[in-house]
Amino acid sequence: MTLTGSPNPAKVGEAVTLTATITGNSPSGTVTFKSASTTLGTVTLSGGVATLTTSFASAGNRSLTASYGGDATNTASTSAVLRLPVNKTASAITVTAMPNPVVVDQTVTLKATVTGNAPSGTVTFKSASTILGTAPLSAGEATLTASFASVGNRPITASYGGDTSNTDSVFHVLATSSR
């Protein structure tokens, strides 16, 4: 029996197709696919091939196997371990400021949008090297209000630290100005 996986490596949340191929005398029955001791699914053979499409919710290295129970003319067998690295999804972040420009001491709403695989965690907003605050992500968005006590252009940076499924990302630079 052979076991293959595609794509290899994979990304968190990406569909991975596992294919077990059994050689023998018209093998029939089922193949059970596992990630370590966790059963991913059991599939009926067709023409000596069983295919399962799955995905993984977190990053890490997976050890996958396929087990064939055998039939009246073929013995049971288990594949060699297939190593499948599952990498974090690349995240991206964008920031908007409303209103922009603002007047001195007027409240400006900074909104960061993080894309990726259901990103979670927080976004930190800075003006130059000054931390304006940290806001939690909800449905991929984080919002923070701020105001500026003096006239001038403000470079705004938003940083996302990543999570178990997504890489970190930084947005440079949204310029806000107060007058």
C-alpha atoms as a PDB file:
ATOM      1  CA  MET A   1       0.000   0.000   0.000  1.00  0.00           C
ATOM      2  CA  THR A   2       1.178   3.522  -0.768  1.00  0.00           C
ATOM      3  CA  LEU A   3      -0.116   6.773   0.701  1.00  0.00           C
ATOM      4  CA  THR A   4       0.289  10.200  -0.894  1.00  0.00           C
ATOM      5  CA  GLY A   5      -0.966  13.647   0.074  1.00  0.00           C
ATOM      6  CA  SER A   6      -1.443  16.756  -2.006  1.00  0.00           C
ATOM      7  CA  PRO A   7      -0.520  19.497  -1.484  1.00  0.00           C
ATOM      8  CA  ASN A   8       2.496  18.640   0.610  1.00  0.00           C
ATOM      9  CA  PRO A   9       3.270  20.835   2.505  1.00  0.00           C
ATOM     10  CA  ALA A  10      -0.207  22.215   3.180  1.00  0.00           C
ATOM     11  CA  LYS A  11      -1.554  25.352   4.869  1.00  0.00           C
ATOM     12  CA  VAL A  12      -3.989  25.576   7.750  1.00  0.00           C
ATOM     13  CA  GLY A  13      -7.539  25.216   6.443  1.00  0.00           C
ATOM     14  CA  GLU A  14      -6.415  24.144   2.963  1.00  0.00           C
ATOM     15  CA  ALA A  15      -8.013  21.047   1.410  1.00  0.00           C
ATOM     16  CA  VAL A  16      -5.579  18.115   1.410  1.00  0.00           C
ATOM     17  CA  THR A  17      -6.285  15.049  -0.725  1.00  0.00           C
ATOM     18  CA  LEU A  18      -4.978  11.791   0.717  1.00  0.00           C
ATOM     19  CA  THR A  19      -4.773   8.864  -1.704  1.00  0.00           C
ATOM     20  CA  ALA A  20      -4.141   5.246  -0.673  1.00  0.00           C
ATOM     21  CA  THR A  21      -3.344   2.799  -3.461  1.00  0.00           C
ATOM     22  CA  ILE A  22      -3.592  -0.948  -2.787  1.00  0.00           C
ATOM     23  CA  THR A  23      -1.963  -3.456  -5.111  1.00  0.00           C
ATOM     24  CA  GLY A  24      -3.189  -7.007  -5.145  1.00  0.00           C
ATOM     25  CA  ASN A  25      -5.920  -9.178  -6.616  1.00  0.00           C
ATOM     26  CA  SER A  26      -8.795  -6.688  -7.164  1.00  0.00           C
ATOM     27  CA  PRO A  27      -8.743  -5.398  -3.595  1.00  0.00           C
ATOM     28  CA  SER A  28     -12.091  -4.445  -2.056  1.00  0.00           C
ATOM     29  CA  GLY A  29     -13.212  -3.138   1.302  1.00  0.00           C
ATOM     30  CA  THR A  30     -12.260   0.054   3.119  1.00  0.00           C
ATOM     31  CA  VAL A  31      -9.238   2.131   4.020  1.00  0.00           C
ATOM     32  CA  THR A  32      -9.015   4.111   7.269  1.00  0.00           C
ATOM     33  CA  PHE A  33      -6.926   7.288   7.234  1.00  0.00           C
ATOM     34  CA  LYS A  34      -5.335   8.529  10.465  1.00  0.00           C
ATOM     35  CA  SER A  35      -3.311  11.469  11.714  1.00  0.00           C
ATOM     36  CA  ALA A  36      -1.307   9.892  14.559  1.00  0.00           C
ATOM     37  CA  SER A  37      -4.067   8.169  16.578  1.00  0.00           C
ATOM     38  CA  THR A  38      -6.921  10.372  15.304  1.00  0.00           C
ATOM     39  CA  THR A  39      -9.129   8.820  12.631  1.00  0.00           C
ATOM     40  CA  LEU A  40      -9.706  11.253   9.767  1.00  0.00           C
ATOM     41  CA  GLY A  41     -12.138   9.019   7.903  1.00  0.00           C
ATOM     42  CA  THR A  42     -12.856   5.636   6.361  1.00  0.00           C
ATOM     43  CA  VAL A  43     -13.329   5.318   2.591  1.00  0.00           C
ATOM     44  CA  THR A  44     -14.453   2.438   0.346  1.00  0.00           C
ATOM     45  CA  LEU A  45     -11.915   1.283  -2.246  1.00  0.00           C
ATOM     46  CA  SER A  46     -12.680   1.802  -5.909  1.00  0.00           C
ATOM     47  CA  GLY A  47     -10.308   0.161  -8.382  1.00  0.00           C
ATOM     48  CA  GLY A  48      -7.772  -0.335  -5.610  1.00  0.00           C
ATOM     49  CA  VAL A  49      -7.746   3.373  -4.694  1.00  0.00           C
ATOM     50  CA  ALA A  50      -9.267   5.223  -1.707  1.00  0.00           C
ATOM     51  CA  THR A  51      -9.271   9.008  -1.579  1.00  0.00           C
ATOM     52  CA  LEU A  52     -10.095  11.278   1.365  1.00  0.00           C
ATOM     53  CA  THR A  53     -10.128  15.076   1.339  1.00  0.00           C
ATOM     54  CA  THR A  54      -9.518  16.729   4.696  1.00  0.00           C
ATOM     55  CA  SER A  55      -8.008  19.876   6.217  1.00  0.00           C
ATOM     56  CA  PHE A  56      -6.189  20.796   9.408  1.00  0.00           C
ATOM     57  CA  ALA A  57      -7.214  23.566  11.811  1.00  0.00           C
ATOM     58  CA  SER A  58      -3.769  24.342  13.213  1.00  0.00           C
ATOM     59  CA  ALA A  59      -0.175  24.404  12.096  1.00  0.00           C
ATOM     60  CA  GLY A  60       2.204  21.554  12.847  1.00  0.00           C
ATOM     61  CA  ASN A  61       3.762  18.414  11.429  1.00  0.00           C
ATOM     62  CA  ARG A  62       1.334  15.564  10.820  1.00  0.00           C
ATOM     63  CA  SER A  63       2.155  11.838  10.729  1.00  0.00           C
ATOM     64  CA  LEU A  64      -0.450  10.252   8.440  1.00  0.00           C
ATOM     65  CA  THR A  65      -1.164   6.579   7.780  1.00  0.00           C
ATOM     66  CA  ALA A  66      -3.704   4.545   5.866  1.00  0.00           C
ATOM     67  CA  SER A  67      -4.836   1.079   7.003  1.00  0.00           C
ATOM     68  CA  TYR A  68      -6.487  -1.527   4.798  1.00  0.00           C
ATOM     69  CA  GLY A  69      -8.499  -4.248   6.496  1.00  0.00           C
ATOM     70  CA  GLY A  70      -8.023  -6.830   3.771  1.00  0.00           C
ATOM     71  CA  ASP A  71     -10.624  -8.994   2.007  1.00  0.00           C
ATOM     72  CA  ALA A  72     -11.085 -12.646   0.966  1.00  0.00           C
ATOM     73  CA  THR A  73      -8.074 -12.575  -1.384  1.00  0.00           C
ATOM     74  CA  ASN A  74      -5.872  -9.751  -0.033  1.00  0.00           C
ATOM     75  CA  THR A  75      -4.160  -9.375   3.328  1.00  0.00           C
ATOM     76  CA  ALA A  76      -4.498  -6.364   5.599  1.00  0.00           C
ATOM     77  CA  SER A  77      -1.809  -3.724   5.364  1.00  0.00           C
ATOM     78  CA  THR A  78      -0.790  -0.330   6.683  1.00  0.00           C
ATOM     79  CA  SER A  79       1.062   2.332   4.738  1.00  0.00           C
ATOM     80  CA  ALA A  80       4.363   3.822   5.723  1.00  0.00           C
ATOM     81  CA  VAL A  81       4.007   7.101   7.631  1.00  0.00           C
ATOM     82  CA  LEU A  82       3.459  10.104   5.380  1.00  0.00           C
ATOM     83  CA  ARG A  83       4.935  13.295   6.885  1.00  0.00           C
ATOM     84  CA  LEU A  84       2.799  16.327   6.109  1.00  0.00           C
ATOM     85  CA  PRO A  85       3.892  19.748   7.345  1.00  0.00           C
ATOM     86  CA  VAL A  86       0.912  22.063   7.844  1.00  0.00           C
ATOM     87  CA  ASN A  87       2.053  25.685   7.784  1.00  0.00           C
ATOM     88  CA  LYS A  88       0.325  28.813   9.039  1.00  0.00           C
ATOM     89  CA  THR A  89      -1.709  30.815   6.528  1.00  0.00           C
ATOM     90  CA  ALA A  90      -0.119  34.124   5.550  1.00  0.00           C
ATOM     91  CA  SER A  91      -2.103  36.981   7.027  1.00  0.00           C
ATOM     92  CA  ALA A  92      -2.379  40.505   5.696  1.00  0.00           C
ATOM     93  CA  ILE A  93      -3.519  43.667   7.425  1.00  0.00           C
ATOM     94  CA  THR A  94      -4.943  46.960   6.175  1.00  0.00           C
ATOM     95  CA  VAL A  95      -5.875  50.054   8.164  1.00  0.00           C
ATOM     96  CA  THR A  96      -8.305  52.905   7.648  1.00  0.00           C
ATOM     97  CA  ALA A  97      -8.828  56.089   9.675  1.00  0.00           C
ATOM     98  CA  MET A  98     -12.138  57.960   9.837  1.00  0.00           C
ATOM     99  CA  PRO A  99     -12.197  60.883   9.577  1.00  0.00           C
ATOM    100  CA  ASN A 100      -8.893  61.658   7.956  1.00  0.00           C
ATOM    101  CA  PRO A 101      -7.732  64.400   8.346  1.00  0.00           C
ATOM    102  CA  VAL A 102      -8.993  65.262  11.830  1.00  0.00           C
ATOM    103  CA  VAL A 103      -8.870  68.441  13.877  1.00  0.00           C
ATOM    104  CA  VAL A 104      -6.846  68.635  17.085  1.00  0.00           C
ATOM    105  CA  ASP A 105      -8.500  66.624  19.902  1.00  0.00           C
ATOM    106  CA  GLN A 106     -11.129  65.178  17.542  1.00  0.00           C
ATOM    107  CA  THR A 107     -11.696  61.438  17.876  1.00  0.00           C
ATOM    108  CA  VAL A 108     -10.432  59.354  14.970  1.00  0.00           C
ATOM    109  CA  THR A 109     -11.493  55.722  14.538  1.00  0.00           C
ATOM    110  CA  LEU A 110      -8.719  53.398  13.385  1.00  0.00           C
ATOM    111  CA  LYS A 111      -9.945  50.143  11.870  1.00  0.00           C
ATOM    112  CA  ALA A 112      -7.630  47.245  11.029  1.00  0.00           C
ATOM    113  CA  THR A 113      -8.817  44.406   8.816  1.00  0.00           C
ATOM    114  CA  VAL A 114      -6.822  41.175   9.027  1.00  0.00           C
ATOM    115  CA  THR A 115      -7.211  38.503   6.363  1.00  0.00           C
ATOM    116  CA  GLY A 116      -6.143  34.895   6.709  1.00  0.00           C
ATOM    117  CA  ASN A 117      -7.731  31.743   8.108  1.00  0.00           C
ATOM    118  CA  ALA A 118     -10.237  33.061  10.694  1.00  0.00           C
ATOM    119  CA  PRO A 119      -7.637  35.293  12.400  1.00  0.00           C
ATOM    120  CA  SER A 120      -7.924  35.747  16.169  1.00  0.00           C
ATOM    121  CA  GLY A 121      -5.999  37.704  18.755  1.00  0.00           C
ATOM    122  CA  THR A 122      -5.258  41.407  18.904  1.00  0.00           C
ATOM    123  CA  VAL A 123      -3.956  44.299  16.827  1.00  0.00           C
ATOM    124  CA  THR A 124      -1.633  46.949  18.285  1.00  0.00           C
ATOM    125  CA  PHE A 125      -1.885  50.467  16.856  1.00  0.00           C
ATOM    126  CA  LYS A 126       1.051  52.890  17.027  1.00  0.00           C
ATOM    127  CA  SER A 127       1.696  56.468  15.977  1.00  0.00           C
ATOM    128  CA  ALA A 128       5.425  56.513  15.227  1.00  0.00           C
ATOM    129  CA  SER A 129       6.851  54.814  18.359  1.00  0.00           C
ATOM    130  CA  THR A 130       3.911  55.706  20.638  1.00  0.00           C
ATOM    131  CA  ILE A 131       1.472  52.865  21.323  1.00  0.00           C
ATOM    132  CA  LEU A 132      -2.057  54.168  20.898  1.00  0.00           C
ATOM    133  CA  GLY A 133      -3.635  50.961  22.127  1.00  0.00           C
ATOM    134  CA  THR A 134      -4.452  47.319  21.477  1.00  0.00           C
ATOM    135  CA  ALA A 135      -7.814  46.053  20.242  1.00  0.00           C
ATOM    136  CA  PRO A 136      -9.207  42.516  19.959  1.00  0.00           C
ATOM    137  CA  LEU A 137     -10.086  41.030  16.586  1.00  0.00           C
ATOM    138  CA  SER A 138     -13.727  40.230  15.937  1.00  0.00           C
ATOM    139  CA  ALA A 139     -14.622  38.706  12.563  1.00  0.00           C
ATOM    140  CA  GLY A 140     -11.204  39.811  11.296  1.00  0.00           C
ATOM    141  CA  GLU A 141     -11.544  43.452  12.362  1.00  0.00           C
ATOM    142  CA  ALA A 142     -10.103  45.484  15.244  1.00  0.00           C
ATOM    143  CA  THR A 143     -11.168  49.035  16.031  1.00  0.00           C
ATOM    144  CA  LEU A 144      -9.527  51.661  18.227  1.00  0.00           C
ATOM    145  CA  THR A 145     -10.363  55.327  18.816  1.00  0.00           C
ATOM    146  CA  ALA A 146      -7.675  57.930  19.416  1.00  0.00           C
ATOM    147  CA  SER A 147      -7.150  61.670  19.302  1.00  0.00           C
ATOM    148  CA  PHE A 148      -4.137  63.894  18.798  1.00  0.00           C
ATOM    149  CA  ALA A 149      -3.354  66.943  20.948  1.00  0.00           C
ATOM    150  CA  SER A 150      -1.258  68.787  18.375  1.00  0.00           C
ATOM    151  CA  VAL A 151      -1.175  69.652  14.695  1.00  0.00           C
ATOM    152  CA  GLY A 152       0.862  67.397  12.392  1.00  0.00           C
ATOM    153  CA  ASN A 153       1.055  64.285  10.274  1.00  0.00           C
ATOM    154  CA  ARG A 154       0.894  60.991  12.147  1.00  0.00           C
ATOM    155  CA  PRO A 155       2.290  57.746  10.690  1.00  0.00           C
ATOM    156  CA  ILE A 156      -0.001  54.942  11.895  1.00  0.00           C
ATOM    157  CA  THR A 157       1.250  51.352  12.133  1.00  0.00           C
ATOM    158  CA  ALA A 158      -0.906  48.336  12.975  1.00  0.00           C
ATOM    159  CA  SER A 159       0.677  45.049  14.075  1.00  0.00           C
ATOM    160  CA  TYR A 160      -0.999  41.650  14.216  1.00  0.00           C
ATOM    161  CA  GLY A 161       0.867  39.022  16.233  1.00  0.00           C
ATOM    162  CA  GLY A 162      -0.607  35.995  14.480  1.00  0.00           C
ATOM    163  CA  ASP A 163      -2.193  32.925  16.070  1.00  0.00           C
ATOM    164  CA  THR A 164      -2.040  29.131  15.726  1.00  0.00           C
ATOM    165  CA  SER A 165      -3.361  29.336  12.158  1.00  0.00           C
ATOM    166  CA  ASN A 166      -2.010  32.645  10.816  1.00  0.00           C
ATOM    167  CA  THR A 167       1.353  34.341  10.497  1.00  0.00           C
ATOM    168  CA  ASP A 168       1.971  37.764  11.990  1.00  0.00           C
ATOM    169  CA  SER A 169       1.730  40.874   9.818  1.00  0.00           C
ATOM    170  CA  VAL A 170       2.346  44.602  10.041  1.00  0.00           C
ATOM    171  CA  PHE A 171       0.741  47.483   8.179  1.00  0.00           C
ATOM    172  CA  HIS A 172       3.001  50.488   7.516  1.00  0.00           C
ATOM    173  CA  VAL A 173       2.032  53.399   7.200  1.00  0.00           C
ATOM    174  CA  LEU A 174      -1.286  55.137   7.170  1.00  0.00           C
ATOM    175  CA  ALA A 175      -0.734  58.879   7.425  1.00  0.00           C
ATOM    176  CA  THR A 176      -3.278  60.807   9.423  1.00  0.00           C
ATOM    177  CA  SER A 177      -3.046  64.492   9.950  1.00  0.00           C
ATOM    178  CA  SER A 178      -4.513  66.808  12.508  1.00  0.00           C
ATOM    179  CA  ARG A 179      -5.050  70.471  11.933  1.00  0.00           C
END
